[in-house]
C-alpha atoms as a PDB file:
ATOM      1  CA  MET A   1      11.109 -10.993  13.628  1.00  0.00           C
ATOM      2  CA  ALA A   2       8.712  -8.248  14.731  1.00  0.00           C
ATOM      3  CA  ARG A   3       5.438  -7.892  12.828  1.00  0.00           C
ATOM      4  CA  ILE A   4       4.058  -4.403  12.243  1.00  0.00           C
ATOM      5  CA  ALA A   5       1.030  -2.916  10.490  1.00  0.00           C
ATOM      6  CA  VAL A   6       0.744   0.473   8.791  1.00  0.00           C
ATOM      7  CA  ARG A   7      -1.875   2.351   6.816  1.00  0.00           C
ATOM      8  CA  LEU A   8      -0.645   4.553   3.986  1.00  0.00           C
ATOM      9  CA  VAL A   9      -2.441   7.283   2.070  1.00  0.00           C
ATOM     10  CA  ILE A  10      -0.655   7.943  -1.219  1.00  0.00           C
ATOM     11  CA  ARG A  11      -1.345  11.218  -3.023  1.00  0.00           C
ATOM     12  CA  GLY A  12      -0.476  12.566  -6.445  1.00  0.00           C
ATOM     13  CA  ARG A  13      -1.231  11.048  -9.838  1.00  0.00           C
ATOM     14  CA  VAL A  14      -2.007   7.608  -8.435  1.00  0.00           C
ATOM     15  CA  GLN A  15      -5.386   6.663  -9.923  1.00  0.00           C
ATOM     16  CA  GLY A  16      -5.755   5.460 -13.492  1.00  0.00           C
ATOM     17  CA  VAL A  17      -2.086   4.462 -13.681  1.00  0.00           C
ATOM     18  CA  GLY A  18      -2.217   0.879 -12.351  1.00  0.00           C
ATOM     19  CA  TYR A  19      -1.141   1.826  -8.847  1.00  0.00           C
ATOM     20  CA  ARG A  20      -3.423  -0.656  -7.034  1.00  0.00           C
ATOM     21  CA  TRP A  21      -2.403  -3.548  -9.289  1.00  0.00           C
ATOM     22  CA  TRP A  22       1.265  -2.608  -8.872  1.00  0.00           C
ATOM     23  CA  ALA A  23       0.973  -2.239  -5.070  1.00  0.00           C
ATOM     24  CA  ARG A  24      -0.772  -5.605  -4.752  1.00  0.00           C
ATOM     25  CA  GLY A  25       2.083  -7.247  -6.662  1.00  0.00           C
ATOM     26  CA  GLN A  26       4.717  -5.548  -4.516  1.00  0.00           C
ATOM     27  CA  ALA A  27       2.960  -6.547  -1.289  1.00  0.00           C
ATOM     28  CA  ARG A  28       2.512 -10.153  -2.367  1.00  0.00           C
ATOM     29  CA  ARG A  29       6.164 -10.370  -3.422  1.00  0.00           C
ATOM     30  CA  LEU A  30       7.123  -9.172   0.070  1.00  0.00           C
ATOM     31  CA  LYS A  31       4.660 -11.660   1.647  1.00  0.00           C
ATOM     32  CA  LEU A  32       2.606  -8.942   3.327  1.00  0.00           C
ATOM     33  CA  ALA A  33      -1.033  -9.108   4.392  1.00  0.00           C
ATOM     34  CA  GLY A  34      -3.537  -6.303   3.878  1.00  0.00           C
ATOM     35  CA  TRP A  35      -5.333  -4.423   1.130  1.00  0.00           C
ATOM     36  CA  VAL A  36      -5.230  -1.471  -1.264  1.00  0.00           C
ATOM     37  CA  ARG A  37      -8.081   0.708  -2.585  1.00  0.00           C
ATOM     38  CA  ASN A  38      -8.802   3.979  -4.357  1.00  0.00           C
ATOM     39  CA  ARG A  39     -10.407   6.778  -2.388  1.00  0.00           C
ATOM     40  CA  SER A  40     -12.959   9.205  -3.761  1.00  0.00           C
ATOM     41  CA  ASP A  41     -10.584  12.129  -3.097  1.00  0.00           C
ATOM     42  CA  GLY A  42      -8.163  10.799  -5.762  1.00  0.00           C
ATOM     43  CA  SER A  43      -5.698   9.176  -3.370  1.00  0.00           C
ATOM     44  CA  VAL A  44      -4.856   5.503  -2.842  1.00  0.00           C
ATOM     45  CA  GLU A  45      -5.095   3.923   0.611  1.00  0.00           C
ATOM     46  CA  LEU A  46      -3.124   0.844   1.583  1.00  0.00           C
ATOM     47  CA  LEU A  47      -2.886  -1.270   4.715  1.00  0.00           C
ATOM     48  CA  ALA A  48       0.102  -3.596   5.031  1.00  0.00           C
ATOM     49  CA  ALA A  49       1.224  -5.959   7.776  1.00  0.00           C
ATOM     50  CA  GLY A  50       4.215  -8.222   8.064  1.00  0.00           C
ATOM     51  CA  SER A  51       7.854  -8.122   9.035  1.00  0.00           C
ATOM     52  CA  SER A  52       9.104  -4.616   9.740  1.00  0.00           C
ATOM     53  CA  GLY A  53      11.749  -4.936   7.012  1.00  0.00           C
ATOM     54  CA  ALA A  54       9.222  -5.946   4.359  1.00  0.00           C
ATOM     55  CA  VAL A  55       6.767  -3.213   5.365  1.00  0.00           C
ATOM     56  CA  GLU A  56       9.527  -0.595   5.183  1.00  0.00           C
ATOM     57  CA  GLN A  57      10.507  -1.865   1.712  1.00  0.00           C
ATOM     58  CA  LEU A  58       6.908  -1.473   0.550  1.00  0.00           C
ATOM     59  CA  ILE A  59       6.681   2.047   1.979  1.00  0.00           C
ATOM     60  CA  GLU A  60       9.837   3.056   0.116  1.00  0.00           C
ATOM     61  CA  ALA A  61       8.528   1.543  -3.131  1.00  0.00           C
ATOM     62  CA  CYS A  62       5.200   3.372  -2.680  1.00  0.00           C
ATOM     63  CA  ARG A  63       7.053   6.694  -2.768  1.00  0.00           C
ATOM     64  CA  TYR A  64       7.620   6.015  -6.486  1.00  0.00           C
ATOM     65  CA  GLY A  65       4.896   3.594  -7.563  1.00  0.00           C
ATOM     66  CA  PRO A  66       4.515   2.253 -11.102  1.00  0.00           C
ATOM     67  CA  PRO A  67       6.139   4.127 -14.021  1.00  0.00           C
ATOM     68  CA  ALA A  68       3.059   6.240 -14.915  1.00  0.00           C
ATOM     69  CA  ALA A  69       2.457   7.399 -11.319  1.00  0.00           C
ATOM     70  CA  GLN A  70       3.601  10.728  -9.900  1.00  0.00           C
ATOM     71  CA  VAL A  71       3.593  10.390  -6.124  1.00  0.00           C
ATOM     72  CA  THR A  72       3.650  13.682  -4.229  1.00  0.00           C
ATOM     73  CA  LEU A  73       3.053  12.451  -0.670  1.00  0.00           C
ATOM     74  CA  VAL A  74       2.922   9.217   1.327  1.00  0.00           C
ATOM     75  CA  GLU A  75       1.249   9.627   4.713  1.00  0.00           C
ATOM     76  CA  ARG A  76       1.915   6.863   7.260  1.00  0.00           C
ATOM     77  CA  PHE A  77      -0.337   5.875  10.155  1.00  0.00           C
ATOM     78  CA  GLU A  78      -0.251   3.086  12.726  1.00  0.00           C
ATOM     79  CA  ALA A  79      -2.791   0.328  11.988  1.00  0.00           C
ATOM     80  CA  ASP A  80      -4.289  -2.816  13.460  1.00  0.00           C
ATOM     81  CA  ASP A  81      -2.846  -6.019  12.031  1.00  0.00           C
ATOM     82  CA  PRO A  82      -5.428  -7.638   9.693  1.00  0.00           C
ATOM     83  CA  GLY A  83      -3.912 -11.093  10.203  1.00  0.00           C
ATOM     84  CA  SER A  84      -2.368 -13.305   7.568  1.00  0.00           C
ATOM     85  CA  GLY A  85      -5.175 -13.379   5.018  1.00  0.00           C
ATOM     86  CA  GLY A  86      -3.126 -12.337   1.993  1.00  0.00           C
ATOM     87  CA  PHE A  87      -3.191  -9.026   0.132  1.00  0.00           C
ATOM     88  CA  GLU A  88      -6.193  -7.859  -1.910  1.00  0.00           C
ATOM     89  CA  GLU A  89      -7.690  -4.971  -3.828  1.00  0.00           C
ATOM     90  CA  ARG A  90     -10.820  -3.433  -2.294  1.00  0.00           C
ATOM     91  CA  PRO A  91     -13.569  -1.216  -3.751  1.00  0.00           C
ATOM     92  CA  THR A  92     -13.255   2.556  -3.793  1.00  0.00           C
ATOM     93  CA  VAL A  93     -14.412   4.442  -0.687  1.00  0.00           C
END
């Protein structure tokens, strides 16, 4: 199965609603590697790597997020694979 890596920037009401915690849980459930963090512009940034099917499932889920979120845009970019080190939350940038 092909392994891919993507970087997402999620915009809308995505900070202060548990989005990072929720995304980490989704990514771990899908057995993806990578990280998630808040950005100082109010968005959330996420890097995910794994099977193409699992990554696509995460991208679709990120379009909605946790119940309190209001996602307006998910931007997708190609990314370098971080390896298989698990999925973590990172500090705000």
